[in-house]
C-alpha atoms as a PDB file:
ATOM      1  CA  UNK A   1     111.140 106.221  73.245  1.00  0.00           C
ATOM      2  CA  UNK A   2     110.596 103.299  75.606  1.00  0.00           C
ATOM      3  CA  UNK A   3     108.827 104.005  78.884  1.00  0.00           C
ATOM      4  CA  UNK A   4     110.656 103.613  82.171  1.00  0.00           C
ATOM      5  CA  UNK A   5     108.693 101.016  84.156  1.00  0.00           C
ATOM      6  CA  UNK A   6     108.037 100.654  87.885  1.00  0.00           C
ATOM      7  CA  UNK A   7     107.865  97.036  89.082  1.00  0.00           C
ATOM      8  CA  UNK A   8     106.135  96.527  92.433  1.00  0.00           C
ATOM      9  CA  UNK A   9     106.729  93.255  94.288  1.00  0.00           C
ATOM     10  CA  UNK A  10     103.400  92.538  95.990  1.00  0.00           C
ATOM     11  CA  UNK A  11     103.379  88.750  96.261  1.00  0.00           C
ATOM     12  CA  UNK A  12     104.712  88.474  99.825  1.00  0.00           C
ATOM     13  CA  UNK A  13     102.641  86.537 102.314  1.00  0.00           C
ATOM     14  CA  UNK A  14     103.114  88.965 105.205  1.00  0.00           C
ATOM     15  CA  UNK A  15     103.353  86.211 107.824  1.00  0.00           C
ATOM     16  CA  UNK A  16     104.773  88.402 110.603  1.00  0.00           C
ATOM     17  CA  UNK A  17     102.073  91.012 110.133  1.00  0.00           C
ATOM     18  CA  UNK A  18      99.301  88.442 110.029  1.00  0.00           C
ATOM     19  CA  UNK A  19      97.432  88.958 106.761  1.00  0.00           C
ATOM     20  CA  UNK A  20      97.807  90.533 103.341  1.00  0.00           C
ATOM     21  CA  UNK A  21      99.596  93.616 104.622  1.00  0.00           C
ATOM     22  CA  UNK A  22     100.062  95.083 101.142  1.00  0.00           C
ATOM     23  CA  UNK A  23      96.298  95.729 101.029  1.00  0.00           C
ATOM     24  CA  UNK A  24      95.902  97.246 104.506  1.00  0.00           C
ATOM     25  CA  UNK A  25      94.541 100.854 104.460  1.00  0.00           C
ATOM     26  CA  UNK A  26      96.883 103.310 106.215  1.00  0.00           C
ATOM     27  CA  UNK A  27      96.276 106.705 104.583  1.00  0.00           C
ATOM     28  CA  UNK A  28      93.750 109.347 105.692  1.00  0.00           C
ATOM     29  CA  UNK A  29      91.741 108.686 102.546  1.00  0.00           C
ATOM     30  CA  UNK A  30      91.946 104.896 102.959  1.00  0.00           C
ATOM     31  CA  UNK A  31      95.094 104.526 100.825  1.00  0.00           C
ATOM     32  CA  UNK A  32      97.437 101.554 101.076  1.00  0.00           C
ATOM     33  CA  UNK A  33     101.203 102.075 101.241  1.00  0.00           C
ATOM     34  CA  UNK A  34     101.942 101.306  97.612  1.00  0.00           C
ATOM     35  CA  UNK A  35      99.587 104.081  96.466  1.00  0.00           C
ATOM     36  CA  UNK A  36     102.059 106.604  97.878  1.00  0.00           C
ATOM     37  CA  UNK A  37     104.876 104.925  95.970  1.00  0.00           C
ATOM     38  CA  UNK A  38     102.836 104.993  92.763  1.00  0.00           C
ATOM     39  CA  UNK A  39     101.974 108.660  93.309  1.00  0.00           C
ATOM     40  CA  UNK A  40     105.658 109.523  93.819  1.00  0.00           C
ATOM     41  CA  UNK A  41     106.677 107.414  90.810  1.00  0.00           C
ATOM     42  CA  UNK A  42     104.203 109.182  88.526  1.00  0.00           C
ATOM     43  CA  UNK A  43     105.490 112.556  89.756  1.00  0.00           C
ATOM     44  CA  UNK A  44     109.035 111.385  88.967  1.00  0.00           C
ATOM     45  CA  UNK A  45     108.063 110.481  85.406  1.00  0.00           C
ATOM     46  CA  UNK A  46     107.319 106.735  85.322  1.00  0.00           C
ATOM     47  CA  UNK A  47     104.669 105.837  82.730  1.00  0.00           C
ATOM     48  CA  UNK A  48     103.912 102.175  83.412  1.00  0.00           C
ATOM     49  CA  UNK A  49     103.565  99.858  86.413  1.00  0.00           C
ATOM     50  CA  UNK A  50     103.912  96.089  86.585  1.00  0.00           C
ATOM     51  CA  UNK A  51     102.442  94.489  89.697  1.00  0.00           C
ATOM     52  CA  UNK A  52     103.917  91.153  90.773  1.00  0.00           C
ATOM     53  CA  UNK A  53     101.195  89.352  92.717  1.00  0.00           C
ATOM     54  CA  UNK A  54      99.997  85.872  93.631  1.00  0.00           C
ATOM     55  CA  UNK A  55      96.993  84.254  91.969  1.00  0.00           C
ATOM     56  CA  UNK A  56      95.128  83.916  95.268  1.00  0.00           C
ATOM     57  CA  UNK A  57      95.147  87.683  95.909  1.00  0.00           C
ATOM     58  CA  UNK A  58      94.572  88.770  92.297  1.00  0.00           C
ATOM     59  CA  UNK A  59      90.849  89.499  92.631  1.00  0.00           C
ATOM     60  CA  UNK A  60      91.210  91.434  95.903  1.00  0.00           C
ATOM     61  CA  UNK A  61      94.227  93.286  94.571  1.00  0.00           C
ATOM     62  CA  UNK A  62      92.456  94.527  91.472  1.00  0.00           C
ATOM     63  CA  UNK A  63      89.363  95.498  93.455  1.00  0.00           C
ATOM     64  CA  UNK A  64      91.252  97.411  96.153  1.00  0.00           C
ATOM     65  CA  UNK A  65      93.865  99.170  94.012  1.00  0.00           C
ATOM     66  CA  UNK A  66      94.579  97.858  90.526  1.00  0.00           C
ATOM     67  CA  UNK A  67      91.385  98.812  88.696  1.00  0.00           C
ATOM     68  CA  UNK A  68      91.518 102.340  90.120  1.00  0.00           C
ATOM     69  CA  UNK A  69      95.235 102.904  89.466  1.00  0.00           C
ATOM     70  CA  UNK A  70      94.833 101.793  85.856  1.00  0.00           C
ATOM     71  CA  UNK A  71      92.799 104.975  85.242  1.00  0.00           C
ATOM     72  CA  UNK A  72      95.914 107.049  86.012  1.00  0.00           C
ATOM     73  CA  UNK A  73      98.801 104.984  84.622  1.00  0.00           C
ATOM     74  CA  UNK A  74      99.292 101.990  82.334  1.00  0.00           C
ATOM     75  CA  UNK A  75      99.280  98.808  84.433  1.00  0.00           C
ATOM     76  CA  UNK A  76     100.113  95.157  83.893  1.00  0.00           C
ATOM     77  CA  UNK A  77     100.168  92.082  86.136  1.00  0.00           C
ATOM     78  CA  UNK A  78     102.487  89.104  86.410  1.00  0.00           C
ATOM     79  CA  UNK A  79     102.042  86.198  88.783  1.00  0.00           C
ATOM     80  CA  UNK A  80     104.775  84.825  91.013  1.00  0.00           C
ATOM     81  CA  UNK A  81     104.093  81.111  91.078  1.00  0.00           C
ATOM     82  CA  UNK A  82     105.911  78.804  93.465  1.00  0.00           C
ATOM     83  CA  UNK A  83     105.556  76.025  90.878  1.00  0.00           C
ATOM     84  CA  UNK A  84     107.091  78.046  88.015  1.00  0.00           C
ATOM     85  CA  UNK A  85     110.522  76.406  87.925  1.00  0.00           C
ATOM     86  CA  UNK A  86     113.086  75.514  85.243  1.00  0.00           C
ATOM     87  CA  UNK A  87     112.879  72.151  83.489  1.00  0.00           C
ATOM     88  CA  UNK A  88     114.082  69.362  85.740  1.00  0.00           C
ATOM     89  CA  UNK A  89     112.966  70.992  88.996  1.00  0.00           C
ATOM     90  CA  UNK A  90     109.831  70.546  91.065  1.00  0.00           C
ATOM     91  CA  UNK A  91     108.516  72.290  94.140  1.00  0.00           C
ATOM     92  CA  UNK A  92     109.786  70.442  97.232  1.00  0.00           C
ATOM     93  CA  UNK A  93     107.083  68.614  99.123  1.00  0.00           C
ATOM     94  CA  UNK A  94     105.833  70.778 101.988  1.00  0.00           C
ATOM     95  CA  UNK A  95     107.150  74.066 100.590  1.00  0.00           C
ATOM     96  CA  UNK A  96     104.617  76.914 100.842  1.00  0.00           C
ATOM     97  CA  UNK A  97     106.953  79.930 100.846  1.00  0.00           C
ATOM     98  CA  UNK A  98     107.572  81.788  97.553  1.00  0.00           C
ATOM     99  CA  UNK A  99     111.109  81.602  96.143  1.00  0.00           C
ATOM    100  CA  UNK A 100     112.037  85.176  97.010  1.00  0.00           C
ATOM    101  CA  UNK A 101     112.654  88.502  95.305  1.00  0.00           C
ATOM    102  CA  UNK A 102     114.890  87.041  92.600  1.00  0.00           C
ATOM    103  CA  UNK A 103     112.125  84.769  91.337  1.00  0.00           C
ATOM    104  CA  UNK A 104     109.628  87.616  91.721  1.00  0.00           C
ATOM    105  CA  UNK A 105     111.541  89.794  89.256  1.00  0.00           C
ATOM    106  CA  UNK A 106     112.202  86.769  87.052  1.00  0.00           C
ATOM    107  CA  UNK A 107     108.411  86.528  86.663  1.00  0.00           C
ATOM    108  CA  UNK A 108     108.662  89.657  84.486  1.00  0.00           C
ATOM    109  CA  UNK A 109     110.842  88.028  81.846  1.00  0.00           C
ATOM    110  CA  UNK A 110     109.355  88.670  78.416  1.00  0.00           C
ATOM    111  CA  UNK A 111     107.327  91.584  79.789  1.00  0.00           C
ATOM    112  CA  UNK A 112     110.027  94.268  80.064  1.00  0.00           C
ATOM    113  CA  UNK A 113     112.130  95.765  77.282  1.00  0.00           C
ATOM    114  CA  UNK A 114     112.964  99.103  78.935  1.00  0.00           C
ATOM    115  CA  UNK A 115     114.856 100.319  82.017  1.00  0.00           C
ATOM    116  CA  UNK A 116     112.865  99.657  85.169  1.00  0.00           C
ATOM    117  CA  UNK A 117     112.759 100.368  88.878  1.00  0.00           C
ATOM    118  CA  UNK A 118     111.938  97.767  91.524  1.00  0.00           C
ATOM    119  CA  UNK A 119     110.318  98.328  94.928  1.00  0.00           C
ATOM    120  CA  UNK A 120     108.532  96.391  97.653  1.00  0.00           C
ATOM    121  CA  UNK A 121     104.787  96.929  97.935  1.00  0.00           C
ATOM    122  CA  UNK A 122     104.790  97.280 101.706  1.00  0.00           C
ATOM    123  CA  UNK A 123     107.536  99.905 102.070  1.00  0.00           C
ATOM    124  CA  UNK A 124     107.182 103.682 101.976  1.00  0.00           C
ATOM    125  CA  UNK A 125     110.280 105.167 100.341  1.00  0.00           C
ATOM    126  CA  UNK A 126     109.604 108.890  99.936  1.00  0.00           C
ATOM    127  CA  UNK A 127     109.807 110.930  96.751  1.00  0.00           C
ATOM    128  CA  UNK A 128     113.567 111.482  96.587  1.00  0.00           C
ATOM    129  CA  UNK A 129     114.532 107.932  95.650  1.00  0.00           C
ATOM    130  CA  UNK A 130     112.016 107.681  92.807  1.00  0.00           C
ATOM    131  CA  UNK A 131     113.263 110.876  91.227  1.00  0.00           C
ATOM    132  CA  UNK A 132     116.904 109.834  91.550  1.00  0.00           C
ATOM    133  CA  UNK A 133     116.314 106.415  89.991  1.00  0.00           C
ATOM    134  CA  UNK A 134     114.160 107.811  87.187  1.00  0.00           C
ATOM    135  CA  UNK A 135     116.867 110.337  86.322  1.00  0.00           C
ATOM    136  CA  UNK A 136     119.514 107.597  86.378  1.00  0.00           C
ATOM    137  CA  UNK A 137     117.523 105.309  84.083  1.00  0.00           C
ATOM    138  CA  UNK A 138     116.728 108.170  81.711  1.00  0.00           C
ATOM    139  CA  UNK A 139     120.355 109.266  81.376  1.00  0.00           C
ATOM    140  CA  UNK A 140     122.515 106.138  81.079  1.00  0.00           C
ATOM    141  CA  UNK A 141     126.240 106.500  81.682  1.00  0.00           C
ATOM    142  CA  UNK A 142     128.812 104.169  80.132  1.00  0.00           C
ATOM    143  CA  UNK A 143     131.056 102.174  82.474  1.00  0.00           C
ATOM    144  CA  UNK A 144     133.794  99.624  81.938  1.00  0.00           C
ATOM    145  CA  UNK A 145     131.492  96.906  83.275  1.00  0.00           C
ATOM    146  CA  UNK A 146     128.962  94.928  81.271  1.00  0.00           C
ATOM    147  CA  UNK A 147     126.026  96.328  83.245  1.00  0.00           C
ATOM    148  CA  UNK A 148     125.347  99.610  85.011  1.00  0.00           C
ATOM    149  CA  UNK A 149     122.542  99.492  87.591  1.00  0.00           C
ATOM    150  CA  UNK A 150     121.614 101.668  90.553  1.00  0.00           C
ATOM    151  CA  UNK A 151     120.010 101.447  93.966  1.00  0.00           C
ATOM    152  CA  UNK A 152     118.624 103.944  96.437  1.00  0.00           C
ATOM    153  CA  UNK A 153     120.869 104.004  99.497  1.00  0.00           C
ATOM    154  CA  UNK A 154     118.962 104.718 102.702  1.00  0.00           C
ATOM    155  CA  UNK A 155     120.419 105.561 106.103  1.00  0.00           C
ATOM    156  CA  UNK A 156     120.008 102.543 108.392  1.00  0.00           C
ATOM    157  CA  UNK A 157     118.642 104.645 111.240  1.00  0.00           C
ATOM    158  CA  UNK A 158     115.872 105.902 108.941  1.00  0.00           C
ATOM    159  CA  UNK A 159     114.681 102.372 108.187  1.00  0.00           C
ATOM    160  CA  UNK A 160     114.228 100.693 111.567  1.00  0.00           C
ATOM    161  CA  UNK A 161     111.029  99.576 113.266  1.00  0.00           C
ATOM    162  CA  UNK A 162     110.250 100.578 116.831  1.00  0.00           C
ATOM    163  CA  UNK A 163     108.637  97.192 117.454  1.00  0.00           C
ATOM    164  CA  UNK A 164     111.121  94.479 116.583  1.00  0.00           C
ATOM    165  CA  UNK A 165     113.940  93.175 114.456  1.00  0.00           C
ATOM    166  CA  UNK A 166     114.298  93.853 110.737  1.00  0.00           C
ATOM    167  CA  UNK A 167     116.478  92.525 107.944  1.00  0.00           C
ATOM    168  CA  UNK A 168     118.407  95.036 105.860  1.00  0.00           C
ATOM    169  CA  UNK A 169     120.902  94.837 103.022  1.00  0.00           C
ATOM    170  CA  UNK A 170     123.848  96.578 104.697  1.00  0.00           C
ATOM    171  CA  UNK A 171     126.087  98.150 102.063  1.00  0.00           C
ATOM    172  CA  UNK A 172     129.717  99.090 101.674  1.00  0.00           C
ATOM    173  CA  UNK A 173     130.154 101.944  99.200  1.00  0.00           C
ATOM    174  CA  UNK A 174     133.296 102.710  97.202  1.00  0.00           C
ATOM    175  CA  UNK A 175     134.825 106.193  97.084  1.00  0.00           C
ATOM    176  CA  UNK A 176     133.312 106.713  93.611  1.00  0.00           C
ATOM    177  CA  UNK A 177     129.801 106.098  94.969  1.00  0.00           C
ATOM    178  CA  UNK A 178     129.443 102.586  93.580  1.00  0.00           C
ATOM    179  CA  UNK A 179     128.331  99.594  95.594  1.00  0.00           C
ATOM    180  CA  UNK A 180     131.213  97.448  96.818  1.00  0.00           C
ATOM    181  CA  UNK A 181     129.342  94.912  98.895  1.00  0.00           C
ATOM    182  CA  UNK A 182     125.857  94.160 100.171  1.00  0.00           C
ATOM    183  CA  UNK A 183     125.145  91.757 103.017  1.00  0.00           C
ATOM    184  CA  UNK A 184     121.629  90.719 104.001  1.00  0.00           C
ATOM    185  CA  UNK A 185     121.756  91.231 107.764  1.00  0.00           C
ATOM    186  CA  UNK A 186     118.956  89.939 109.979  1.00  0.00           C
ATOM    187  CA  UNK A 187     117.992  90.708 113.577  1.00  0.00           C
ATOM    188  CA  UNK A 188     118.780  94.440 113.466  1.00  0.00           C
ATOM    189  CA  UNK A 189     117.169  96.258 116.383  1.00  0.00           C
ATOM    190  CA  UNK A 190     116.725  99.912 117.191  1.00  0.00           C
ATOM    191  CA  UNK A 191     117.750 101.213 120.615  1.00  0.00           C
ATOM    192  CA  UNK A 192     117.043 104.945 120.815  1.00  0.00           C
ATOM    193  CA  UNK A 193     119.486 106.598 118.431  1.00  0.00           C
ATOM    194  CA  UNK A 194     121.619 103.455 118.183  1.00  0.00           C
ATOM    195  CA  UNK A 195     121.275 100.096 116.483  1.00  0.00           C
ATOM    196  CA  UNK A 196     122.583  96.621 117.145  1.00  0.00           C
ATOM    197  CA  UNK A 197     122.560  93.161 115.625  1.00  0.00           C
ATOM    198  CA  UNK A 198     121.546  90.202 117.742  1.00  0.00           C
ATOM    199  CA  UNK A 199     124.090  87.623 116.617  1.00  0.00           C
ATOM    200  CA  UNK A 200     126.178  85.701 119.114  1.00  0.00           C
ATOM    201  CA  UNK A 201     125.279  88.416 121.575  1.00  0.00           C
ATOM    202  CA  UNK A 202     124.458  92.071 121.077  1.00  0.00           C
ATOM    203  CA  UNK A 203     126.761  93.698 118.509  1.00  0.00           C
ATOM    204  CA  UNK A 204     126.572  97.425 117.623  1.00  0.00           C
ATOM    205  CA  UNK A 205     126.061  98.516 114.024  1.00  0.00           C
ATOM    206  CA  UNK A 206     126.594 102.021 112.639  1.00  0.00           C
ATOM    207  CA  UNK A 207     123.287 103.911 112.749  1.00  0.00           C
ATOM    208  CA  UNK A 208     124.373 105.778 109.588  1.00  0.00           C
ATOM    209  CA  UNK A 209     125.264 102.688 107.557  1.00  0.00           C
ATOM    210  CA  UNK A 210     123.930 102.809 103.997  1.00  0.00           C
ATOM    211  CA  UNK A 211     121.343 100.108 103.414  1.00  0.00           C
ATOM    212  CA  UNK A 212     119.337  98.733 100.544  1.00  0.00           C
ATOM    213  CA  UNK A 213     115.551  98.651 100.863  1.00  0.00           C
ATOM    214  CA  UNK A 214     115.063  96.759  97.592  1.00  0.00           C
ATOM    215  CA  UNK A 215     114.684  99.983  95.629  1.00  0.00           C
ATOM    216  CA  UNK A 216     116.662  99.310  92.464  1.00  0.00           C
ATOM    217  CA  UNK A 217     117.116 100.598  88.942  1.00  0.00           C
ATOM    218  CA  UNK A 218     117.922  98.003  86.260  1.00  0.00           C
ATOM    219  CA  UNK A 219     118.239  97.526  82.554  1.00  0.00           C
ATOM    220  CA  UNK A 220     116.416  94.469  81.123  1.00  0.00           C
ATOM    221  CA  UNK A 221     119.627  92.414  81.060  1.00  0.00           C
ATOM    222  CA  UNK A 222     119.194  91.659  84.769  1.00  0.00           C
ATOM    223  CA  UNK A 223     116.325  89.341  83.785  1.00  0.00           C
ATOM    224  CA  UNK A 224     118.665  87.193  81.704  1.00  0.00           C
ATOM    225  CA  UNK A 225     121.098  86.945  84.617  1.00  0.00           C
ATOM    226  CA  UNK A 226     118.302  85.957  87.000  1.00  0.00           C
ATOM    227  CA  UNK A 227     117.111  83.319  84.545  1.00  0.00           C
ATOM    228  CA  UNK A 228     120.563  81.848  83.991  1.00  0.00           C
ATOM    229  CA  UNK A 229     121.426  81.689  87.698  1.00  0.00           C
ATOM    230  CA  UNK A 230     118.138  80.278  88.991  1.00  0.00           C
ATOM    231  CA  UNK A 231     118.913  76.560  88.313  1.00  0.00           C
ATOM    232  CA  UNK A 232     122.186  76.738  90.273  1.00  0.00           C
ATOM    233  CA  UNK A 233     120.329  78.327  93.187  1.00  0.00           C
ATOM    234  CA  UNK A 234     117.736  75.543  93.125  1.00  0.00           C
ATOM    235  CA  UNK A 235     120.518  72.940  93.233  1.00  0.00           C
ATOM    236  CA  UNK A 236     122.022  74.651  96.279  1.00  0.00           C
ATOM    237  CA  UNK A 237     118.609  74.965  97.920  1.00  0.00           C
ATOM    238  CA  UNK A 238     118.214  71.186  98.105  1.00  0.00           C
ATOM    239  CA  UNK A 239     119.998  71.365 101.465  1.00  0.00           C
ATOM    240  CA  UNK A 240     117.329  73.797 102.689  1.00  0.00           C
ATOM    241  CA  UNK A 241     114.339  73.067 100.448  1.00  0.00           C
ATOM    242  CA  UNK A 242     111.510  74.578 102.485  1.00  0.00           C
ATOM    243  CA  UNK A 243     112.826  78.065 103.247  1.00  0.00           C
ATOM    244  CA  UNK A 244     115.716  78.871 100.843  1.00  0.00           C
ATOM    245  CA  UNK A 245     115.154  82.158  98.973  1.00  0.00           C
ATOM    246  CA  UNK A 246     116.504  83.383  95.654  1.00  0.00           C
ATOM    247  CA  UNK A 247     117.313  86.946  96.715  1.00  0.00           C
ATOM    248  CA  UNK A 248     117.723  89.817  94.280  1.00  0.00           C
ATOM    249  CA  UNK A 249     120.426  91.585  96.371  1.00  0.00           C
ATOM    250  CA  UNK A 250     122.533  88.428  96.430  1.00  0.00           C
ATOM    251  CA  UNK A 251     122.411  88.137  92.638  1.00  0.00           C
ATOM    252  CA  UNK A 252     123.432  91.791  92.304  1.00  0.00           C
ATOM    253  CA  UNK A 253     126.237  91.259  94.806  1.00  0.00           C
ATOM    254  CA  UNK A 254     127.511  88.294  92.789  1.00  0.00           C
ATOM    255  CA  UNK A 255     127.475  90.337  89.568  1.00  0.00           C
ATOM    256  CA  UNK A 256     129.586  93.004  91.279  1.00  0.00           C
ATOM    257  CA  UNK A 257     132.074  90.477  92.652  1.00  0.00           C
ATOM    258  CA  UNK A 258     132.360  88.792  89.245  1.00  0.00           C
ATOM    259  CA  UNK A 259     133.252  92.147  87.694  1.00  0.00           C
ATOM    260  CA  UNK A 260     130.142  92.214  85.510  1.00  0.00           C
ATOM    261  CA  UNK A 261     128.222  95.119  87.044  1.00  0.00           C
ATOM    262  CA  UNK A 262     128.641  98.589  88.474  1.00  0.00           C
ATOM    263  CA  UNK A 263     125.850  99.667  90.828  1.00  0.00           C
ATOM    264  CA  UNK A 264     125.637 103.382  91.585  1.00  0.00           C
ATOM    265  CA  UNK A 265     124.352 104.122  95.084  1.00  0.00           C
ATOM    266  CA  UNK A 266     121.948 107.068  94.969  1.00  0.00           C
ATOM    267  CA  UNK A 267     121.856 108.484  98.489  1.00  0.00           C
ATOM    268  CA  UNK A 268     118.496 109.452  99.942  1.00  0.00           C
ATOM    269  CA  UNK A 269     117.696 111.041 103.284  1.00  0.00           C
ATOM    270  CA  UNK A 270     114.009 110.137 103.138  1.00  0.00           C
ATOM    271  CA  UNK A 271     112.669 108.202 106.100  1.00  0.00           C
ATOM    272  CA  UNK A 272     111.390 104.732 105.350  1.00  0.00           C
ATOM    273  CA  UNK A 273     108.445 103.237 107.128  1.00  0.00           C
ATOM    274  CA  UNK A 274     106.403 100.137 106.641  1.00  0.00           C
ATOM    275  CA  UNK A 275     104.176  97.607 108.335  1.00  0.00           C
ATOM    276  CA  UNK A 276     106.573  94.882 109.364  1.00  0.00           C
ATOM    277  CA  UNK A 277     104.697  94.196 112.593  1.00  0.00           C
ATOM    278  CA  UNK A 278     101.059  94.745 113.522  1.00  0.00           C
ATOM    279  CA  UNK A 279     102.204  97.388 116.014  1.00  0.00           C
ATOM    280  CA  UNK A 280     103.738  99.423 113.160  1.00  0.00           C
ATOM    281  CA  UNK A 281     100.330 100.132 111.654  1.00  0.00           C
ATOM    282  CA  UNK A 282      99.345 103.047 113.913  1.00  0.00           C
ATOM    283  CA  UNK A 283     102.737 104.723 113.467  1.00  0.00           C
ATOM    284  CA  UNK A 284     102.409 104.439 109.686  1.00  0.00           C
ATOM    285  CA  UNK A 285      98.875 105.838 109.758  1.00  0.00           C
ATOM    286  CA  UNK A 286      99.981 108.780 111.909  1.00  0.00           C
ATOM    287  CA  UNK A 287     102.941 109.417 109.571  1.00  0.00           C
ATOM    288  CA  UNK A 288     100.756 109.591 106.462  1.00  0.00           C
ATOM    289  CA  UNK A 289      98.310 111.872 108.250  1.00  0.00           C
ATOM    290  CA  UNK A 290     101.202 114.201 109.128  1.00  0.00           C
ATOM    291  CA  UNK A 291     102.544 114.172 105.551  1.00  0.00           C
ATOM    292  CA  UNK A 292      99.067 115.004 104.279  1.00  0.00           C
ATOM    293  CA  UNK A 293      98.677 117.859 106.744  1.00  0.00           C
ATOM    294  CA  UNK A 294     102.095 119.187 105.653  1.00  0.00           C
ATOM    295  CA  UNK A 295     100.896 119.267 102.045  1.00  0.00           C
ATOM    296  CA  UNK A 296     103.310 116.584 100.816  1.00  0.00           C
ATOM    297  CA  UNK A 297     100.323 114.531  99.593  1.00  0.00           C
ATOM    298  CA  UNK A 298      96.686 115.328  98.842  1.00  0.00           C
ATOM    299  CA  UNK A 299      94.091 113.673 101.062  1.00  0.00           C
ATOM    300  CA  UNK A 300      92.928 111.452  98.209  1.00  0.00           C
ATOM    301  CA  UNK A 301      95.756 110.263  95.961  1.00  0.00           C
ATOM    302  CA  UNK A 302      93.764 108.463  93.275  1.00  0.00           C
ATOM    303  CA  UNK A 303      90.051 109.240  93.552  1.00  0.00           C
ATOM    304  CA  UNK A 304      87.743 107.339  91.252  1.00  0.00           C
ATOM    305  CA  UNK A 305      87.229 109.263  88.047  1.00  0.00           C
END
């Protein structure tokens, strides 16, 4: 039986935070955020992890987390390289930004032959989503579409920062629980128990809207779709060569609209938190301390053996 795999996207620059935020200690035992995700994933049943990183952080990454985690679960690394492009394409002069989450997952092509989950390294998701996605991947259900994927659907109000705007994939869900539409929406702010989007003025948005936090469950066929669609994206990006991003949610949305995929939305009430801004760090540290005191996590998640 093939092992369900957890893929962790850890190649982001973290420009708003000011540093390699994926490697910032936030737990009472010095843990970084992704250690909590790995701990929850192992409890859910995942047997292997693939880390997507950049070459320039590889040594630090392995020293801070990778070498230790590998004592608890099978690990592998792939590198997201800004220069890794299809034949006929070159990195635009002056571009320093990676090509986005779509290219990040595409970096795993040839490495995955089993169902897999995808998460961001710098987001805390809670245990519920990992268990739901693992169960989904372990018990495939036939649909009339070519592909059947899933995503964890968070409540918008549970995913907002107290310290500034965030971008969320705001979802529309069909009556059967499948994803109808996903729109990457930027400049979402929290205002008490309300939320609004700053776009041509202040526009309210439903605090209970389902949103994607890039927590997905896929079969390996998504890699072929990402590969086949990347050249067309690069052609379109020539009008915006320095900042255009090949986004995983947009590819999924296109597959839905083309009638190729069904995406089941697995609702979770867990509260997200992450270090989007430097000011978020203390809140995240306090939250992990509270979860540890409540017995949700041990003080030391992965002590050296």
